[in-house]
Amino acid sequence: MSSSFCVNGDLLIEQCSLEKGQLYIFRVGSGQVIKGLDEGILSMKIGGKRRLYIPGPLAFPKGLTSAPGRPRVAPNSPVIFDVSLEYIPGLEVEEE
C-alpha cells in the first residue's frame, strides 16, 4: 500500500510498503488505521486495487506531526491511498 499526503496543495508520495517487501497488515474496523482507509477496504476483494481519496475528517482530523521522511499534515487535510488487497487470513482465493 502506498500513501500520498496532501500538504498545502502538494502531494508527498511515501514509499510503497510492497516496494519495501513488507505488507502492511491490520485488522479492518479495529481502529489501527484511519477511518477512511477502514471504510475503503471493506468492499474490496483479494487482488483488488483502488485509489482512495479520503476527506480530512476521515483521515487526520487532528493533523499529524512531522517525522523523519514525512512532513507535518495540517488538521483535516485530505489524503490519497493507493491500495492493493493482497491477502485476507482464512479466506482462500478460488483458482480459475
Protein backbone atom coordinates (compact mmCIF):
# COMPACT_ATOMS: atom_id res chain seq x y z
CA MET A 1 0.00 0.00 0.00
CA SER A 2 1.33 3.42 -0.76
CA SER A 3 0.05 6.69 0.52
CA SER A 4 0.05 10.32 -0.51
CA PHE A 5 -0.45 13.18 1.90
CA CYS A 6 -1.99 16.41 0.62
CA VAL A 7 0.04 19.17 2.24
CA ASN A 8 -0.65 22.79 1.24
CA GLY A 9 -1.91 21.64 -2.15
CA ASP A 10 1.16 19.49 -2.87
CA LEU A 11 1.29 15.70 -2.74
CA LEU A 12 4.06 13.86 -0.99
CA ILE A 13 4.35 10.22 -2.05
CA GLU A 14 5.59 7.80 0.59
CA GLN A 15 7.44 4.67 -0.41
CA CYS A 16 5.06 1.79 -1.06
CA SER A 17 5.07 -0.94 1.58
CA LEU A 18 5.11 -3.53 -1.22
CA GLU A 19 8.26 -1.94 -2.67
CA LYS A 20 9.84 -2.35 0.76
CA GLY A 21 8.99 -6.06 0.58
CA GLN A 22 6.61 -5.87 3.53
CA LEU A 23 2.83 -5.97 3.56
CA TYR A 24 1.04 -3.52 5.84
CA ILE A 25 -1.17 -5.81 7.90
CA PHE A 26 -4.07 -4.54 10.03
CA ARG A 27 -7.48 -5.66 11.26
CA VAL A 28 -10.24 -3.75 9.47
CA GLY A 29 -12.56 -1.87 11.81
CA SER A 30 -10.30 -2.10 14.85
CA GLY A 31 -9.03 1.50 14.73
CA GLN A 32 -5.48 0.53 13.69
CA VAL A 33 -5.66 2.80 10.63
CA ILE A 34 -7.53 5.99 9.74
CA LYS A 35 -11.32 5.69 9.39
CA GLY A 36 -11.34 6.42 5.67
CA LEU A 37 -8.94 3.57 4.97
CA ASP A 38 -11.07 1.17 7.04
CA GLU A 39 -14.15 2.20 5.04
CA GLY A 40 -12.42 1.99 1.66
CA ILE A 41 -11.08 -1.53 2.24
CA LEU A 42 -14.40 -3.06 3.36
CA SER A 43 -15.84 -3.72 -0.10
CA MET A 44 -12.58 -4.83 -1.75
CA LYS A 45 -11.81 -8.35 -2.98
CA ILE A 46 -8.44 -10.11 -2.83
CA GLY A 47 -6.29 -8.87 -5.72
CA GLY A 48 -8.31 -5.66 -6.00
CA LYS A 49 -6.62 -2.27 -6.38
CA ARG A 50 -8.03 1.16 -5.60
CA ARG A 51 -7.06 4.75 -5.21
CA LEU A 52 -8.84 6.00 -2.12
CA TYR A 53 -9.45 9.76 -1.82
CA ILE A 54 -10.07 10.26 1.88
CA PRO A 55 -11.50 13.56 3.14
CA GLY A 56 -9.82 15.25 6.10
CA PRO A 57 -12.38 14.32 8.76
CA LEU A 58 -11.87 10.62 7.92
CA ALA A 59 -8.09 10.99 7.63
CA PHE A 60 -6.28 13.09 10.22
CA PRO A 61 -8.87 15.37 11.86
CA LYS A 62 -6.29 16.48 14.46
CA GLY A 63 -3.40 16.63 11.98
CA LEU A 64 -0.17 14.66 12.02
CA THR A 65 3.17 15.80 13.39
CA SER A 66 6.24 15.61 11.22
CA ALA A 67 8.62 12.66 11.44
CA PRO A 68 11.74 11.64 9.52
CA GLY A 69 10.74 11.39 5.86
CA ARG A 70 7.21 12.70 6.49
CA PRO A 71 6.03 16.32 6.63
CA ARG A 72 3.54 17.72 9.09
CA VAL A 73 -0.06 17.25 7.94
CA ALA A 74 -2.47 20.05 8.83
CA PRO A 75 -5.71 19.15 10.62
CA ASN A 76 -8.47 17.91 8.30
CA SER A 77 -6.15 17.55 5.30
CA PRO A 78 -7.35 15.02 2.72
CA VAL A 79 -5.12 12.05 1.88
CA ILE A 80 -4.85 9.62 -1.03
CA PHE A 81 -4.01 5.94 -0.65
CA ASP A 82 -3.23 3.56 -3.49
CA VAL A 83 -4.30 0.22 -2.07
CA SER A 84 -3.85 -3.36 -3.21
CA LEU A 85 -5.61 -6.04 -1.15
CA GLU A 86 -3.20 -8.96 -1.21
CA TYR A 87 -4.45 -11.33 1.45
CA ILE A 88 -7.26 -12.00 3.93
CA PRO A 89 -6.34 -14.56 6.61
CA GLY A 90 -8.61 -17.60 6.48
CA LEU A 91 -10.05 -16.77 3.06
CA GLU A 92 -8.76 -18.85 0.19
CA VAL A 93 -8.66 -17.46 -3.35
CA GLU A 94 -10.56 -19.61 -5.88
CA GLU A 95 -8.45 -20.73 -8.82
CA GLU A 96 -9.92 -20.11 -12.27
